[in-house]
Each structure stands twice: as C-alpha cells, then as structure tokens.
Amino acid sequence: MDELLSVLPVEIMIQVRTPGAKQQVFNSTAQLEAAAAYTVDKSARVGHHNDCFLAVGTDYGTYTNITADKEYISN
C-alpha cells in the first residue's frame, strides 16, 4: 500500500477491502481526523470498499469485529 501511494499522484486515492488492512498498515484503529481528510496524508488517501456487501451475514471475512469495524468505517 505504501509503495502504491508513493508512485501514484497525490490526488489519487486507493481503496482496500477490509478495515483491518488499513489499520495494520497505518498501525492505528483511530478514525481519520477531519482536518486530515482530503489531504495528501497517506492515511487520508486510503478508503474502504466492501465487495461482499449484502453477500451473506459474515461478508466473507470483511470484518473481524463487525460492530467496531463498521463504526471505524463510518467515522
């Protein structure tokens, strides 16, 4: 993820499938601060997509803690 962000123009953002992937790379479960949103900060340039949305109740491993992970994404 770091390499991808390093080679892409700073106005380009990427998405990861699981909240845990972003949390692991940036070593944080804290929500992005509003002041950092839409900046060139690497953590602000990484979003989330759920390609298993509404597939089944487990979402095929998208979430490790459904309540906490959805709150993290929401925030």
PDB file of N, CA and C in Angstrom:
ATOM      1  N   MET A   1       0.825  -1.176   0.000  1.00  0.00           N
ATOM      2  CA  MET A   1       0.000   0.000   0.000  1.00  0.00           C
ATOM      3  C   MET A   1       0.880   1.254   0.000  1.00  0.00           C
ATOM      4  N   ASP A   2       1.918   1.236   0.807  1.00  0.00           N
ATOM      5  CA  ASP A   2       2.807   2.393   0.878  1.00  0.00           C
ATOM      6  C   ASP A   2       3.468   2.650  -0.471  1.00  0.00           C
ATOM      7  N   GLU A   3       3.917   1.583  -1.111  1.00  0.00           N
ATOM      8  CA  GLU A   3       4.560   1.734  -2.424  1.00  0.00           C
ATOM      9  C   GLU A   3       3.565   2.279  -3.449  1.00  0.00           C
ATOM     10  N   LEU A   4       2.366   1.768  -3.446  1.00  0.00           N
ATOM     11  CA  LEU A   4       1.344   2.230  -4.376  1.00  0.00           C
ATOM     12  C   LEU A   4       1.055   3.721  -4.163  1.00  0.00           C
ATOM     13  N   LEU A   5       0.895   4.132  -2.929  1.00  0.00           N
ATOM     14  CA  LEU A   5       0.650   5.540  -2.634  1.00  0.00           C
ATOM     15  C   LEU A   5       1.847   6.410  -3.019  1.00  0.00           C
ATOM     16  N   SER A   6       3.033   5.848  -2.913  1.00  0.00           N
ATOM     17  CA  SER A   6       4.246   6.609  -3.243  1.00  0.00           C
ATOM     18  C   SER A   6       4.377   6.884  -4.738  1.00  0.00           C
ATOM     19  N   VAL A   7       3.897   5.951  -5.566  1.00  0.00           N
ATOM     20  CA  VAL A   7       4.067   6.124  -7.007  1.00  0.00           C
ATOM     21  C   VAL A   7       2.875   6.809  -7.685  1.00  0.00           C
ATOM     22  N   LEU A   8       1.741   6.824  -7.031  1.00  0.00           N
ATOM     23  CA  LEU A   8       0.560   7.483  -7.600  1.00  0.00           C
ATOM     24  C   LEU A   8       0.606   8.981  -7.324  1.00  0.00           C
ATOM     25  N   PRO A   9       0.027   9.785  -8.201  1.00  0.00           N
ATOM     26  CA  PRO A   9      -0.081  11.226  -7.910  1.00  0.00           C
ATOM     27  C   PRO A   9      -0.851  11.423  -6.604  1.00  0.00           C
ATOM     28  N   VAL A  10      -0.506  12.448  -5.847  1.00  0.00           N
ATOM     29  CA  VAL A  10      -1.106  12.651  -4.521  1.00  0.00           C
ATOM     30  C   VAL A  10      -2.613  12.899  -4.561  1.00  0.00           C
ATOM     31  N   GLU A  11      -3.145  13.284  -5.712  1.00  0.00           N
ATOM     32  CA  GLU A  11      -4.589  13.495  -5.787  1.00  0.00           C
ATOM     33  C   GLU A  11      -5.356  12.191  -6.029  1.00  0.00           C
ATOM     34  N   ILE A  12      -4.637  11.094  -6.211  1.00  0.00           N
ATOM     35  CA  ILE A  12      -5.265   9.786  -6.423  1.00  0.00           C
ATOM     36  C   ILE A  12      -5.363   9.045  -5.099  1.00  0.00           C
ATOM     37  N   MET A  13      -6.548   8.494  -4.851  1.00  0.00           N
ATOM     38  CA  MET A  13      -6.784   7.727  -3.635  1.00  0.00           C
ATOM     39  C   MET A  13      -6.949   6.259  -4.009  1.00  0.00           C
ATOM     40  N   ILE A  14      -6.785   5.386  -3.037  1.00  0.00           N
ATOM     41  CA  ILE A  14      -6.976   3.956  -3.262  1.00  0.00           C
ATOM     42  C   ILE A  14      -7.956   3.423  -2.219  1.00  0.00           C
ATOM     43  N   GLN A  15      -8.442   2.205  -2.457  1.00  0.00           N
ATOM     44  CA  GLN A  15      -9.334   1.563  -1.510  1.00  0.00           C
ATOM     45  C   GLN A  15      -8.797   0.178  -1.175  1.00  0.00           C
ATOM     46  N   VAL A  16      -9.081  -0.266   0.033  1.00  0.00           N
ATOM     47  CA  VAL A  16      -8.741  -1.612   0.461  1.00  0.00           C
ATOM     48  C   VAL A  16     -10.027  -2.334   0.831  1.00  0.00           C
ATOM     49  N   ARG A  17      -9.983  -3.660   0.805  1.00  0.00           N
ATOM     50  CA  ARG A  17     -11.187  -4.440   1.029  1.00  0.00           C
ATOM     51  C   ARG A  17     -11.603  -4.497   2.498  1.00  0.00           C
ATOM     52  N   THR A  18     -10.646  -4.557   3.389  1.00  0.00           N
ATOM     53  CA  THR A  18     -11.005  -4.712   4.799  1.00  0.00           C
ATOM     54  C   THR A  18     -10.490  -3.540   5.635  1.00  0.00           C
ATOM     55  N   PRO A  19     -11.234  -3.155   6.662  1.00  0.00           N
ATOM     56  CA  PRO A  19     -10.752  -2.111   7.563  1.00  0.00           C
ATOM     57  C   PRO A  19      -9.434  -2.527   8.213  1.00  0.00           C
ATOM     58  N   GLY A  20      -9.290  -3.814   8.501  1.00  0.00           N
ATOM     59  CA  GLY A  20      -8.081  -4.310   9.131  1.00  0.00           C
ATOM     60  C   GLY A  20      -6.827  -4.082   8.305  1.00  0.00           C
ATOM     61  N   ALA A  21      -6.949  -4.100   6.988  1.00  0.00           N
ATOM     62  CA  ALA A  21      -5.789  -3.872   6.123  1.00  0.00           C
ATOM     63  C   ALA A  21      -5.246  -2.466   6.328  1.00  0.00           C
ATOM     64  N   LYS A  22      -6.127  -1.487   6.351  1.00  0.00           N
ATOM     65  CA  LYS A  22      -5.689  -0.108   6.574  1.00  0.00           C
ATOM     66  C   LYS A  22      -5.154   0.071   7.988  1.00  0.00           C
ATOM     67  N   GLN A  23      -5.843  -0.515   8.961  1.00  0.00           N
ATOM     68  CA  GLN A  23      -5.416  -0.390  10.349  1.00  0.00           C
ATOM     69  C   GLN A  23      -4.033  -1.000  10.561  1.00  0.00           C
ATOM     70  N   GLN A  24      -3.765  -2.108   9.894  1.00  0.00           N
ATOM     71  CA  GLN A  24      -2.471  -2.766  10.037  1.00  0.00           C
ATOM     72  C   GLN A  24      -1.359  -1.932   9.411  1.00  0.00           C
ATOM     73  N   VAL A  25      -1.579  -1.422   8.217  1.00  0.00           N
ATOM     74  CA  VAL A  25      -0.548  -0.638   7.535  1.00  0.00           C
ATOM     75  C   VAL A  25      -0.221   0.638   8.302  1.00  0.00           C
ATOM     76  N   PHE A  26      -1.238   1.318   8.798  1.00  0.00           N
ATOM     77  CA  PHE A  26      -1.015   2.581   9.496  1.00  0.00           C
ATOM     78  C   PHE A  26      -0.898   2.402  11.008  1.00  0.00           C
ATOM     79  N   ASN A  27      -0.962   1.151  11.465  1.00  0.00           N
ATOM     80  CA  ASN A  27      -0.783   0.811  12.874  1.00  0.00           C
ATOM     81  C   ASN A  27      -1.674   1.656  13.779  1.00  0.00           C
ATOM     82  N   SER A  28      -2.955   1.758  13.386  1.00  0.00           N
ATOM     83  CA  SER A  28      -3.887   2.569  14.163  1.00  0.00           C
ATOM     84  C   SER A  28      -5.325   2.148  13.890  1.00  0.00           C
ATOM     85  N   THR A  29      -6.124   2.161  14.939  1.00  0.00           N
ATOM     86  CA  THR A  29      -7.555   1.934  14.780  1.00  0.00           C
ATOM     87  C   THR A  29      -8.330   3.233  14.979  1.00  0.00           C
ATOM     88  N   ALA A  30      -7.602   4.334  15.130  1.00  0.00           N
ATOM     89  CA  ALA A  30      -8.239   5.638  15.327  1.00  0.00           C
ATOM     90  C   ALA A  30      -8.821   6.145  14.013  1.00  0.00           C
ATOM     91  N   GLN A  31      -9.949   6.819  14.109  1.00  0.00           N
ATOM     92  CA  GLN A  31     -10.557   7.395  12.916  1.00  0.00           C
ATOM     93  C   GLN A  31      -9.703   8.526  12.375  1.00  0.00           C
ATOM     94  N   LEU A  32      -9.851   8.807  11.116  1.00  0.00           N
ATOM     95  CA  LEU A  32      -9.143   9.905  10.479  1.00  0.00           C
ATOM     96  C   LEU A  32      -9.687  11.223  11.020  1.00  0.00           C
ATOM     97  N   GLU A  33      -8.819  12.101  11.408  1.00  0.00           N
ATOM     98  CA  GLU A  33      -9.240  13.412  11.900  1.00  0.00           C
ATOM     99  C   GLU A  33      -9.794  14.233  10.734  1.00  0.00           C
ATOM    100  N   ALA A  34     -10.817  15.018  10.991  1.00  0.00           N
ATOM    101  CA  ALA A  34     -11.460  15.822   9.944  1.00  0.00           C
ATOM    102  C   ALA A  34     -10.465  16.743   9.239  1.00  0.00           C
ATOM    103  N   ALA A  35      -9.513  17.280   9.984  1.00  0.00           N
ATOM    104  CA  ALA A  35      -8.529  18.189   9.390  1.00  0.00           C
ATOM    105  C   ALA A  35      -7.622  17.486   8.383  1.00  0.00           C
ATOM    106  N   ALA A  36      -7.475  16.172   8.511  1.00  0.00           N
ATOM    107  CA  ALA A  36      -6.609  15.413   7.597  1.00  0.00           C
ATOM    108  C   ALA A  36      -7.350  14.944   6.343  1.00  0.00           C
ATOM    109  N   ALA A  37      -8.673  14.929   6.405  1.00  0.00           N
ATOM    110  CA  ALA A  37      -9.461  14.436   5.271  1.00  0.00           C
ATOM    111  C   ALA A  37      -9.184  15.242   4.004  1.00  0.00           C
ATOM    112  N   TYR A  38      -9.102  14.535   2.902  1.00  0.00           N
ATOM    113  CA  TYR A  38      -8.891  15.146   1.578  1.00  0.00           C
ATOM    114  C   TYR A  38      -7.561  15.882   1.471  1.00  0.00           C
ATOM    115  N   THR A  39      -6.582  15.422   2.247  1.00  0.00           N
ATOM    116  CA  THR A  39      -5.237  15.983   2.150  1.00  0.00           C
ATOM    117  C   THR A  39      -4.327  14.954   1.482  1.00  0.00           C
ATOM    118  N   VAL A  40      -3.058  15.270   1.371  1.00  0.00           N
ATOM    119  CA  VAL A  40      -2.098  14.334   0.781  1.00  0.00           C
ATOM    120  C   VAL A  40      -1.582  13.323   1.807  1.00  0.00           C
ATOM    121  N   ASP A  41      -2.052  13.410   3.048  1.00  0.00           N
ATOM    122  CA  ASP A  41      -1.698  12.441   4.073  1.00  0.00           C
ATOM    123  C   ASP A  41      -2.044  11.038   3.576  1.00  0.00           C
ATOM    124  N   LYS A  42      -1.114  10.116   3.692  1.00  0.00           N
ATOM    125  CA  LYS A  42      -1.344   8.772   3.148  1.00  0.00           C
ATOM    126  C   LYS A  42      -2.574   8.104   3.743  1.00  0.00           C
ATOM    127  N   SER A  43      -2.800   8.244   5.036  1.00  0.00           N
ATOM    128  CA  SER A  43      -3.974   7.597   5.629  1.00  0.00           C
ATOM    129  C   SER A  43      -5.277   8.216   5.117  1.00  0.00           C
ATOM    130  N   ALA A  44      -5.234   9.471   4.712  1.00  0.00           N
ATOM    131  CA  ALA A  44      -6.421  10.121   4.146  1.00  0.00           C
ATOM    132  C   ALA A  44      -6.685   9.665   2.717  1.00  0.00           C
ATOM    133  N   ARG A  45      -5.681   9.109   2.076  1.00  0.00           N
ATOM    134  CA  ARG A  45      -5.809   8.676   0.679  1.00  0.00           C
ATOM    135  C   ARG A  45      -6.241   7.221   0.555  1.00  0.00           C
ATOM    136  N   VAL A  46      -6.495   6.546   1.687  1.00  0.00           N
ATOM    137  CA  VAL A  46      -6.898   5.143   1.665  1.00  0.00           C
ATOM    138  C   VAL A  46      -8.320   5.022   2.187  1.00  0.00           C
ATOM    139  N   GLY A  47      -9.184   4.471   1.358  1.00  0.00           N
ATOM    140  CA  GLY A  47     -10.571   4.265   1.735  1.00  0.00           C
ATOM    141  C   GLY A  47     -10.897   2.784   1.787  1.00  0.00           C
ATOM    142  N   HIS A  48     -12.166   2.482   1.903  1.00  0.00           N
ATOM    143  CA  HIS A  48     -12.630   1.100   2.072  1.00  0.00           C
ATOM    144  C   HIS A  48     -13.703   0.786   1.042  1.00  0.00           C
ATOM    145  N   HIS A  49     -13.635  -0.395   0.482  1.00  0.00           N
ATOM    146  CA  HIS A  49     -14.741  -0.896  -0.334  1.00  0.00           C
ATOM    147  C   HIS A  49     -15.066  -2.298   0.137  1.00  0.00           C
ATOM    148  N   ASN A  50     -16.319  -2.635   0.142  1.00  0.00           N
ATOM    149  CA  ASN A  50     -16.759  -3.950   0.595  1.00  0.00           C
ATOM    150  C   ASN A  50     -17.363  -4.664  -0.597  1.00  0.00           C
ATOM    151  N   ASP A  51     -16.577  -5.485  -1.251  1.00  0.00           N
ATOM    152  CA  ASP A  51     -17.071  -6.182  -2.426  1.00  0.00           C
ATOM    153  C   ASP A  51     -18.000  -7.340  -2.078  1.00  0.00           C
ATOM    154  N   CYS A  52     -18.204  -7.592  -0.802  1.00  0.00           N
ATOM    155  CA  CYS A  52     -19.130  -8.639  -0.375  1.00  0.00           C
ATOM    156  C   CYS A  52     -20.370  -8.057   0.293  1.00  0.00           C
ATOM    157  N   PHE A  53     -20.626  -6.788   0.055  1.00  0.00           N
ATOM    158  CA  PHE A  53     -21.777  -6.110   0.639  1.00  0.00           C
ATOM    159  C   PHE A  53     -23.062  -6.882   0.354  1.00  0.00           C
ATOM    160  N   LEU A  54     -23.769  -7.231   1.395  1.00  0.00           N
ATOM    161  CA  LEU A  54     -25.031  -7.973   1.338  1.00  0.00           C
ATOM    162  C   LEU A  54     -24.896  -9.388   0.785  1.00  0.00           C
ATOM    163  N   ALA A  55     -23.679  -9.916   0.695  1.00  0.00           N
ATOM    164  CA  ALA A  55     -23.498 -11.275   0.186  1.00  0.00           C
ATOM    165  C   ALA A  55     -24.091 -12.288   1.164  1.00  0.00           C
ATOM    166  N   VAL A  56     -23.598 -12.277   2.371  1.00  0.00           N
ATOM    167  CA  VAL A  56     -24.103 -13.126   3.454  1.00  0.00           C
ATOM    168  C   VAL A  56     -23.825 -12.400   4.767  1.00  0.00           C
ATOM    169  N   GLY A  57     -24.319 -12.914   5.844  1.00  0.00           N
ATOM    170  CA  GLY A  57     -24.145 -12.275   7.144  1.00  0.00           C
ATOM    171  C   GLY A  57     -22.701 -12.086   7.564  1.00  0.00           C
ATOM    172  N   THR A  58     -21.810 -12.956   7.109  1.00  0.00           N
ATOM    173  CA  THR A  58     -20.409 -12.855   7.512  1.00  0.00           C
ATOM    174  C   THR A  58     -19.608 -11.939   6.601  1.00  0.00           C
ATOM    175  N   ASP A  59     -20.147 -11.549   5.467  1.00  0.00           N
ATOM    176  CA  ASP A  59     -19.440 -10.723   4.488  1.00  0.00           C
ATOM    177  C   ASP A  59     -18.101 -11.329   4.081  1.00  0.00           C
ATOM    178  N   TYR A  60     -18.007 -12.642   4.164  1.00  0.00           N
ATOM    179  CA  TYR A  60     -16.819 -13.373   3.711  1.00  0.00           C
ATOM    180  C   TYR A  60     -15.520 -12.833   4.276  1.00  0.00           C
ATOM    181  N   GLY A  61     -15.509 -12.485   5.549  1.00  0.00           N
ATOM    182  CA  GLY A  61     -14.274 -12.087   6.206  1.00  0.00           C
ATOM    183  C   GLY A  61     -13.904 -10.618   6.097  1.00  0.00           C
ATOM    184  N   THR A  62     -14.818  -9.784   5.612  1.00  0.00           N
ATOM    185  CA  THR A  62     -14.522  -8.354   5.515  1.00  0.00           C
ATOM    186  C   THR A  62     -14.237  -7.769   6.889  1.00  0.00           C
ATOM    187  N   TYR A  63     -15.001  -8.200   7.872  1.00  0.00           N
ATOM    188  CA  TYR A  63     -14.886  -7.643   9.216  1.00  0.00           C
ATOM    189  C   TYR A  63     -14.401  -8.694  10.206  1.00  0.00           C
ATOM    190  N   THR A  64     -13.570  -8.272  11.148  1.00  0.00           N
ATOM    191  CA  THR A  64     -13.180  -9.172  12.231  1.00  0.00           C
ATOM    192  C   THR A  64     -14.067  -8.928  13.442  1.00  0.00           C
ATOM    193  N   ASN A  65     -14.446  -7.686  13.665  1.00  0.00           N
ATOM    194  CA  ASN A  65     -15.403  -7.307  14.712  1.00  0.00           C
ATOM    195  C   ASN A  65     -16.411  -6.402  14.011  1.00  0.00           C
ATOM    196  N   ILE A  66     -17.544  -6.951  13.639  1.00  0.00           N
ATOM    197  CA  ILE A  66     -18.496  -6.242  12.784  1.00  0.00           C
ATOM    198  C   ILE A  66     -18.866  -4.873  13.348  1.00  0.00           C
ATOM    199  N   THR A  67     -19.222  -4.811  14.615  1.00  0.00           N
ATOM    200  CA  THR A  67     -19.636  -3.538  15.203  1.00  0.00           C
ATOM    201  C   THR A  67     -18.506  -2.518  15.188  1.00  0.00           C
ATOM    202  N   ALA A  68     -17.336  -2.892  15.665  1.00  0.00           N
ATOM    203  CA  ALA A  68     -16.200  -1.966  15.736  1.00  0.00           C
ATOM    204  C   ALA A  68     -15.721  -1.572  14.344  1.00  0.00           C
ATOM    205  N   ASP A  69     -15.652  -2.532  13.422  1.00  0.00           N
ATOM    206  CA  ASP A  69     -15.166  -2.233  12.069  1.00  0.00           C
ATOM    207  C   ASP A  69     -16.122  -1.310  11.313  1.00  0.00           C
ATOM    208  N   LYS A  70     -17.416  -1.535  11.464  1.00  0.00           N
ATOM    209  CA  LYS A  70     -18.380  -0.655  10.796  1.00  0.00           C
ATOM    210  C   LYS A  70     -18.364   0.742  11.397  1.00  0.00           C
ATOM    211  N   GLU A  71     -18.156   0.835  12.698  1.00  0.00           N
ATOM    212  CA  GLU A  71     -18.041   2.166  13.330  1.00  0.00           C
ATOM    213  C   GLU A  71     -16.793   2.877  12.820  1.00  0.00           C
ATOM    214  N   TYR A  72     -15.692   2.132  12.687  1.00  0.00           N
ATOM    215  CA  TYR A  72     -14.439   2.718  12.164  1.00  0.00           C
ATOM    216  C   TYR A  72     -14.658   3.259  10.759  1.00  0.00           C
ATOM    217  N   ILE A  73     -15.311   2.498   9.918  1.00  0.00           N
ATOM    218  CA  ILE A  73     -15.570   2.927   8.534  1.00  0.00           C
ATOM    219  C   ILE A  73     -16.500   4.145   8.525  1.00  0.00           C
ATOM    220  N   SER A  74     -17.523   4.082   9.341  1.00  0.00           N
ATOM    221  CA  SER A  74     -18.497   5.172   9.399  1.00  0.00           C
ATOM    222  C   SER A  74     -17.862   6.484   9.834  1.00  0.00           C
ATOM    223  N   ASN A  75     -16.975   6.391  10.821  1.00  0.00           N
ATOM    224  CA  ASN A  75     -16.328   7.587  11.334  1.00  0.00           C
ATOM    225  C   ASN A  75     -15.293   8.111  10.354  1.00  0.00           C
TER     226      ASN A  75
END
